[in-house]
Protein backbone atom coordinates (compact mmCIF):
# COMPACT_ATOMS: atom_id res chain seq x y z
CA UNK A 1 0.00 0.00 0.00
CA UNK A 2 1.30 3.40 -0.93
CA UNK A 3 0.56 6.56 1.05
CA UNK A 4 0.20 9.96 -0.54
CA UNK A 5 2.63 12.36 1.08
CA UNK A 6 1.02 15.80 1.49
CA UNK A 7 4.32 17.45 2.22
CA UNK A 8 5.45 16.76 -1.32
CA UNK A 9 2.24 18.09 -2.90
CA UNK A 10 2.56 21.70 -1.76
CA UNK A 11 2.43 24.35 -4.45
CA UNK A 12 2.19 28.09 -4.81
CA UNK A 13 -0.52 29.89 -6.70
CA UNK A 14 -0.14 33.42 -7.96
CA UNK A 15 -3.36 34.99 -9.16
CA UNK A 16 -3.09 37.78 -11.68
CA UNK A 17 -5.67 40.24 -10.34
CA UNK A 18 -5.71 43.74 -11.73
CA UNK A 19 -5.66 46.38 -9.00
CA UNK A 20 -8.80 48.41 -8.59
CA UNK A 21 -8.21 51.79 -10.16
CA UNK A 22 -10.00 54.90 -8.99
CA UNK A 23 -11.33 56.91 -11.87
CA UNK A 24 -9.46 60.19 -12.01
CA UNK A 25 -11.66 63.22 -12.45
CA UNK A 26 -10.38 66.36 -14.12
CA UNK A 27 -10.32 69.16 -11.59
CA UNK A 28 -11.72 72.51 -12.60
CA UNK A 29 -9.04 75.12 -13.13
CA UNK A 30 -9.40 78.66 -11.82
CA UNK A 31 -7.55 80.54 -14.54
CA UNK A 32 -8.57 84.12 -13.76
CA UNK A 33 -10.14 86.21 -11.03
CA UNK A 34 -10.56 89.92 -11.71
CA UNK A 35 -12.18 92.56 -9.51
CA UNK A 36 -14.41 94.63 -11.77
CA UNK A 37 -15.56 97.08 -9.08
CA UNK A 38 -13.56 99.96 -7.70
CA UNK A 39 -10.84 99.18 -5.18
CA UNK A 40 -12.42 101.46 -2.59
CA UNK A 41 -16.14 101.12 -1.89
CA UNK A 42 -18.74 102.70 0.34
CA UNK A 43 -21.64 100.87 1.99
CA UNK A 44 -24.29 99.92 -0.55
CA UNK A 45 -21.88 99.71 -3.49
CA UNK A 46 -21.33 96.11 -4.63
CA UNK A 47 -17.96 94.45 -4.93
CA UNK A 48 -17.89 92.54 -8.21
CA UNK A 49 -15.65 89.96 -9.89
CA UNK A 50 -15.30 88.00 -13.11
CA UNK A 51 -13.75 84.55 -13.27
CA UNK A 52 -12.05 82.29 -15.75
CA UNK A 53 -12.77 78.62 -15.08
CA UNK A 54 -12.18 75.55 -17.20
CA UNK A 55 -13.86 72.25 -16.35
CA UNK A 56 -13.24 68.69 -17.50
CA UNK A 57 -14.86 67.31 -20.63
CA UNK A 58 -18.53 66.61 -20.03
CA UNK A 59 -18.51 68.41 -16.66
CA UNK A 60 -20.48 71.57 -15.83
CA UNK A 61 -19.80 74.47 -13.50
CA UNK A 62 -22.37 74.59 -10.68
CA UNK A 63 -21.09 77.42 -8.46
CA UNK A 64 -18.30 79.78 -7.55
CA UNK A 65 -18.02 81.12 -4.01
CA UNK A 66 -15.54 83.83 -3.06
CA UNK A 67 -14.73 84.16 0.64
CA UNK A 68 -13.53 87.60 1.73
CA UNK A 69 -11.78 88.17 5.05
CA UNK A 70 -11.29 91.38 6.99
CA UNK A 71 -8.36 92.20 9.28
CA UNK A 72 -10.17 90.62 12.26
CA UNK A 73 -10.87 87.30 10.53
CA UNK A 74 -14.56 88.00 9.83
CA UNK A 75 -15.73 86.63 6.50
CA UNK A 76 -18.27 87.52 3.84
CA UNK A 77 -19.07 85.44 0.79
CA UNK A 78 -20.05 86.10 -2.79
CA UNK A 79 -22.04 83.25 -4.39
CA UNK A 80 -22.58 82.84 -8.11
CA UNK A 81 -23.33 80.07 -10.55
CA UNK A 82 -21.72 81.84 -13.50
CA UNK A 83 -18.46 83.45 -14.49
CA UNK A 84 -19.23 86.79 -12.82
CA UNK A 85 -20.80 87.88 -9.60
CA UNK A 86 -21.42 90.83 -7.31
CA UNK A 87 -21.99 91.17 -3.59
CA UNK A 88 -23.62 94.26 -2.13
CA UNK A 89 -21.79 95.86 0.74
CA UNK A 90 -23.83 97.21 3.63
CA UNK A 91 -23.47 98.59 7.13
CA UNK A 92 -22.54 95.15 8.53
CA UNK A 93 -19.20 95.32 6.71
CA UNK A 94 -16.40 96.74 8.86
CA UNK A 95 -14.36 99.66 7.57
CA UNK A 96 -10.99 98.58 6.26
CA UNK A 97 -9.34 96.25 3.82
CA UNK A 98 -10.75 92.90 2.72
CA UNK A 99 -8.75 90.14 1.05
CA UNK A 100 -9.91 87.10 -0.88
CA UNK A 101 -9.29 84.15 1.47
CA UNK A 102 -10.22 81.48 -1.09
CA UNK A 103 -12.33 80.82 -4.16
CA UNK A 104 -14.44 77.66 -4.11
CA UNK A 105 -15.27 76.23 -7.53
CA UNK A 106 -17.84 73.42 -7.72
CA UNK A 107 -18.80 71.28 -10.67
CA UNK A 108 -21.37 68.55 -11.18
CA UNK A 109 -18.71 65.80 -11.36
CA UNK A 110 -15.98 66.95 -8.98
CA UNK A 111 -17.92 68.75 -6.27
CA UNK A 112 -16.09 71.43 -4.30
CA UNK A 113 -12.50 72.52 -4.99
CA UNK A 114 -10.99 75.39 -2.96
CA UNK A 115 -8.30 77.60 -4.47
CA UNK A 116 -6.61 79.21 -1.46
CA UNK A 117 -4.88 82.58 -1.32
CA UNK A 118 -1.71 80.70 -0.28
CA UNK A 119 -1.64 79.01 -3.69
CA UNK A 120 -2.75 75.57 -2.53
CA UNK A 121 -5.80 73.71 -3.83
CA UNK A 122 -8.03 71.52 -1.65
CA UNK A 123 -10.27 68.91 -3.30
CA UNK A 124 -13.29 67.59 -1.41
CA UNK A 125 -13.72 64.60 -3.76
CA UNK A 126 -11.06 61.90 -3.22
CA UNK A 127 -11.09 61.00 -6.93
CA UNK A 128 -9.71 64.47 -7.72
CA UNK A 129 -6.04 64.82 -6.84
CA UNK A 130 -4.59 67.47 -9.15
CA UNK A 131 -3.71 70.27 -9.14
CA UNK A 132 -2.43 70.82 -5.61
CA UNK A 133 -1.08 74.33 -6.27
C-alpha atoms as a PDB file:
ATOM      1  CA  UNK A   1       0.000   0.000   0.000  1.00  0.00           C
ATOM      2  CA  UNK A   2       1.297   3.401  -0.927  1.00  0.00           C
ATOM      3  CA  UNK A   3       0.564   6.558   1.050  1.00  0.00           C
ATOM      4  CA  UNK A   4       0.203   9.959  -0.539  1.00  0.00           C
ATOM      5  CA  UNK A   5       2.629  12.356   1.076  1.00  0.00           C
ATOM      6  CA  UNK A   6       1.016  15.799   1.493  1.00  0.00           C
ATOM      7  CA  UNK A   7       4.324  17.451   2.225  1.00  0.00           C
ATOM      8  CA  UNK A   8       5.449  16.758  -1.320  1.00  0.00           C
ATOM      9  CA  UNK A   9       2.242  18.088  -2.901  1.00  0.00           C
ATOM     10  CA  UNK A  10       2.561  21.698  -1.762  1.00  0.00           C
ATOM     11  CA  UNK A  11       2.425  24.345  -4.452  1.00  0.00           C
ATOM     12  CA  UNK A  12       2.188  28.085  -4.810  1.00  0.00           C
ATOM     13  CA  UNK A  13      -0.519  29.888  -6.697  1.00  0.00           C
ATOM     14  CA  UNK A  14      -0.140  33.420  -7.958  1.00  0.00           C
ATOM     15  CA  UNK A  15      -3.359  34.992  -9.164  1.00  0.00           C
ATOM     16  CA  UNK A  16      -3.091  37.776 -11.684  1.00  0.00           C
ATOM     17  CA  UNK A  17      -5.674  40.239 -10.344  1.00  0.00           C
ATOM     18  CA  UNK A  18      -5.707  43.739 -11.730  1.00  0.00           C
ATOM     19  CA  UNK A  19      -5.657  46.379  -9.004  1.00  0.00           C
ATOM     20  CA  UNK A  20      -8.800  48.411  -8.593  1.00  0.00           C
ATOM     21  CA  UNK A  21      -8.208  51.794 -10.164  1.00  0.00           C
ATOM     22  CA  UNK A  22      -9.998  54.901  -8.993  1.00  0.00           C
ATOM     23  CA  UNK A  23     -11.327  56.906 -11.866  1.00  0.00           C
ATOM     24  CA  UNK A  24      -9.458  60.188 -12.012  1.00  0.00           C
ATOM     25  CA  UNK A  25     -11.656  63.223 -12.455  1.00  0.00           C
ATOM     26  CA  UNK A  26     -10.380  66.364 -14.119  1.00  0.00           C
ATOM     27  CA  UNK A  27     -10.322  69.157 -11.586  1.00  0.00           C
ATOM     28  CA  UNK A  28     -11.725  72.506 -12.599  1.00  0.00           C
ATOM     29  CA  UNK A  29      -9.038  75.117 -13.131  1.00  0.00           C
ATOM     30  CA  UNK A  30      -9.395  78.662 -11.816  1.00  0.00           C
ATOM     31  CA  UNK A  31      -7.552  80.537 -14.542  1.00  0.00           C
ATOM     32  CA  UNK A  32      -8.574  84.119 -13.756  1.00  0.00           C
ATOM     33  CA  UNK A  33     -10.138  86.206 -11.033  1.00  0.00           C
ATOM     34  CA  UNK A  34     -10.560  89.920 -11.705  1.00  0.00           C
ATOM     35  CA  UNK A  35     -12.181  92.555  -9.508  1.00  0.00           C
ATOM     36  CA  UNK A  36     -14.408  94.634 -11.766  1.00  0.00           C
ATOM     37  CA  UNK A  37     -15.563  97.080  -9.077  1.00  0.00           C
ATOM     38  CA  UNK A  38     -13.560  99.965  -7.698  1.00  0.00           C
ATOM     39  CA  UNK A  39     -10.835  99.177  -5.181  1.00  0.00           C
ATOM     40  CA  UNK A  40     -12.415 101.464  -2.591  1.00  0.00           C
ATOM     41  CA  UNK A  41     -16.144 101.119  -1.893  1.00  0.00           C
ATOM     42  CA  UNK A  42     -18.745 102.698   0.344  1.00  0.00           C
ATOM     43  CA  UNK A  43     -21.642 100.868   1.991  1.00  0.00           C
ATOM     44  CA  UNK A  44     -24.285  99.918  -0.547  1.00  0.00           C
ATOM     45  CA  UNK A  45     -21.883  99.709  -3.486  1.00  0.00           C
ATOM     46  CA  UNK A  46     -21.329  96.110  -4.630  1.00  0.00           C
ATOM     47  CA  UNK A  47     -17.963  94.447  -4.933  1.00  0.00           C
ATOM     48  CA  UNK A  48     -17.887  92.540  -8.206  1.00  0.00           C
ATOM     49  CA  UNK A  49     -15.650  89.959  -9.889  1.00  0.00           C
ATOM     50  CA  UNK A  50     -15.297  87.999 -13.108  1.00  0.00           C
ATOM     51  CA  UNK A  51     -13.750  84.554 -13.269  1.00  0.00           C
ATOM     52  CA  UNK A  52     -12.049  82.291 -15.748  1.00  0.00           C
ATOM     53  CA  UNK A  53     -12.766  78.621 -15.079  1.00  0.00           C
ATOM     54  CA  UNK A  54     -12.179  75.548 -17.202  1.00  0.00           C
ATOM     55  CA  UNK A  55     -13.857  72.250 -16.351  1.00  0.00           C
ATOM     56  CA  UNK A  56     -13.243  68.695 -17.498  1.00  0.00           C
ATOM     57  CA  UNK A  57     -14.857  67.313 -20.634  1.00  0.00           C
ATOM     58  CA  UNK A  58     -18.532  66.610 -20.028  1.00  0.00           C
ATOM     59  CA  UNK A  59     -18.514  68.410 -16.656  1.00  0.00           C
ATOM     60  CA  UNK A  60     -20.480  71.571 -15.827  1.00  0.00           C
ATOM     61  CA  UNK A  61     -19.802  74.468 -13.496  1.00  0.00           C
ATOM     62  CA  UNK A  62     -22.369  74.594 -10.677  1.00  0.00           C
ATOM     63  CA  UNK A  63     -21.091  77.421  -8.464  1.00  0.00           C
ATOM     64  CA  UNK A  64     -18.298  79.777  -7.552  1.00  0.00           C
ATOM     65  CA  UNK A  65     -18.024  81.122  -4.014  1.00  0.00           C
ATOM     66  CA  UNK A  66     -15.537  83.833  -3.055  1.00  0.00           C
ATOM     67  CA  UNK A  67     -14.730  84.160   0.639  1.00  0.00           C
ATOM     68  CA  UNK A  68     -13.526  87.600   1.731  1.00  0.00           C
ATOM     69  CA  UNK A  69     -11.778  88.165   5.048  1.00  0.00           C
ATOM     70  CA  UNK A  70     -11.292  91.384   6.988  1.00  0.00           C
ATOM     71  CA  UNK A  71      -8.364  92.202   9.282  1.00  0.00           C
ATOM     72  CA  UNK A  72     -10.174  90.624  12.256  1.00  0.00           C
ATOM     73  CA  UNK A  73     -10.870  87.299  10.530  1.00  0.00           C
ATOM     74  CA  UNK A  74     -14.557  87.996   9.832  1.00  0.00           C
ATOM     75  CA  UNK A  75     -15.729  86.629   6.503  1.00  0.00           C
ATOM     76  CA  UNK A  76     -18.275  87.516   3.844  1.00  0.00           C
ATOM     77  CA  UNK A  77     -19.069  85.437   0.795  1.00  0.00           C
ATOM     78  CA  UNK A  78     -20.052  86.102  -2.792  1.00  0.00           C
ATOM     79  CA  UNK A  79     -22.039  83.249  -4.392  1.00  0.00           C
ATOM     80  CA  UNK A  80     -22.581  82.840  -8.112  1.00  0.00           C
ATOM     81  CA  UNK A  81     -23.329  80.066 -10.554  1.00  0.00           C
ATOM     82  CA  UNK A  82     -21.722  81.837 -13.500  1.00  0.00           C
ATOM     83  CA  UNK A  83     -18.457  83.452 -14.489  1.00  0.00           C
ATOM     84  CA  UNK A  84     -19.232  86.788 -12.824  1.00  0.00           C
ATOM     85  CA  UNK A  85     -20.798  87.881  -9.598  1.00  0.00           C
ATOM     86  CA  UNK A  86     -21.418  90.828  -7.313  1.00  0.00           C
ATOM     87  CA  UNK A  87     -21.994  91.167  -3.588  1.00  0.00           C
ATOM     88  CA  UNK A  88     -23.619  94.264  -2.130  1.00  0.00           C
ATOM     89  CA  UNK A  89     -21.790  95.860   0.741  1.00  0.00           C
ATOM     90  CA  UNK A  90     -23.828  97.207   3.633  1.00  0.00           C
ATOM     91  CA  UNK A  91     -23.467  98.594   7.131  1.00  0.00           C
ATOM     92  CA  UNK A  92     -22.542  95.149   8.533  1.00  0.00           C
ATOM     93  CA  UNK A  93     -19.204  95.318   6.714  1.00  0.00           C
ATOM     94  CA  UNK A  94     -16.398  96.737   8.859  1.00  0.00           C
ATOM     95  CA  UNK A  95     -14.364  99.656   7.568  1.00  0.00           C
ATOM     96  CA  UNK A  96     -10.985  98.585   6.256  1.00  0.00           C
ATOM     97  CA  UNK A  97      -9.336  96.250   3.825  1.00  0.00           C
ATOM     98  CA  UNK A  98     -10.749  92.900   2.722  1.00  0.00           C
ATOM     99  CA  UNK A  99      -8.752  90.142   1.051  1.00  0.00           C
ATOM    100  CA  UNK A 100      -9.906  87.097  -0.883  1.00  0.00           C
ATOM    101  CA  UNK A 101      -9.293  84.152   1.466  1.00  0.00           C
ATOM    102  CA  UNK A 102     -10.217  81.481  -1.088  1.00  0.00           C
ATOM    103  CA  UNK A 103     -12.327  80.818  -4.155  1.00  0.00           C
ATOM    104  CA  UNK A 104     -14.436  77.658  -4.111  1.00  0.00           C
ATOM    105  CA  UNK A 105     -15.272  76.226  -7.533  1.00  0.00           C
ATOM    106  CA  UNK A 106     -17.836  73.424  -7.722  1.00  0.00           C
ATOM    107  CA  UNK A 107     -18.798  71.280 -10.673  1.00  0.00           C
ATOM    108  CA  UNK A 108     -21.369  68.548 -11.176  1.00  0.00           C
ATOM    109  CA  UNK A 109     -18.709  65.798 -11.364  1.00  0.00           C
ATOM    110  CA  UNK A 110     -15.979  66.950  -8.985  1.00  0.00           C
ATOM    111  CA  UNK A 111     -17.917  68.748  -6.270  1.00  0.00           C
ATOM    112  CA  UNK A 112     -16.091  71.425  -4.303  1.00  0.00           C
ATOM    113  CA  UNK A 113     -12.500  72.520  -4.993  1.00  0.00           C
ATOM    114  CA  UNK A 114     -10.994  75.386  -2.959  1.00  0.00           C
ATOM    115  CA  UNK A 115      -8.296  77.596  -4.469  1.00  0.00           C
ATOM    116  CA  UNK A 116      -6.610  79.215  -1.458  1.00  0.00           C
ATOM    117  CA  UNK A 117      -4.880  82.582  -1.318  1.00  0.00           C
ATOM    118  CA  UNK A 118      -1.710  80.697  -0.281  1.00  0.00           C
ATOM    119  CA  UNK A 119      -1.636  79.008  -3.692  1.00  0.00           C
ATOM    120  CA  UNK A 120      -2.752  75.567  -2.534  1.00  0.00           C
ATOM    121  CA  UNK A 121      -5.798  73.712  -3.828  1.00  0.00           C
ATOM    122  CA  UNK A 122      -8.035  71.521  -1.653  1.00  0.00           C
ATOM    123  CA  UNK A 123     -10.271  68.910  -3.304  1.00  0.00           C
ATOM    124  CA  UNK A 124     -13.293  67.595  -1.407  1.00  0.00           C
ATOM    125  CA  UNK A 125     -13.721  64.601  -3.762  1.00  0.00           C
ATOM    126  CA  UNK A 126     -11.065  61.902  -3.217  1.00  0.00           C
ATOM    127  CA  UNK A 127     -11.089  60.997  -6.926  1.00  0.00           C
ATOM    128  CA  UNK A 128      -9.708  64.468  -7.722  1.00  0.00           C
ATOM    129  CA  UNK A 129      -6.040  64.824  -6.837  1.00  0.00           C
ATOM    130  CA  UNK A 130      -4.590  67.472  -9.148  1.00  0.00           C
ATOM    131  CA  UNK A 131      -3.709  70.267  -9.141  1.00  0.00           C
ATOM    132  CA  UNK A 132      -2.431  70.823  -5.615  1.00  0.00           C
ATOM    133  CA  UNK A 133      -1.076  74.326  -6.266  1.00  0.00           C
END
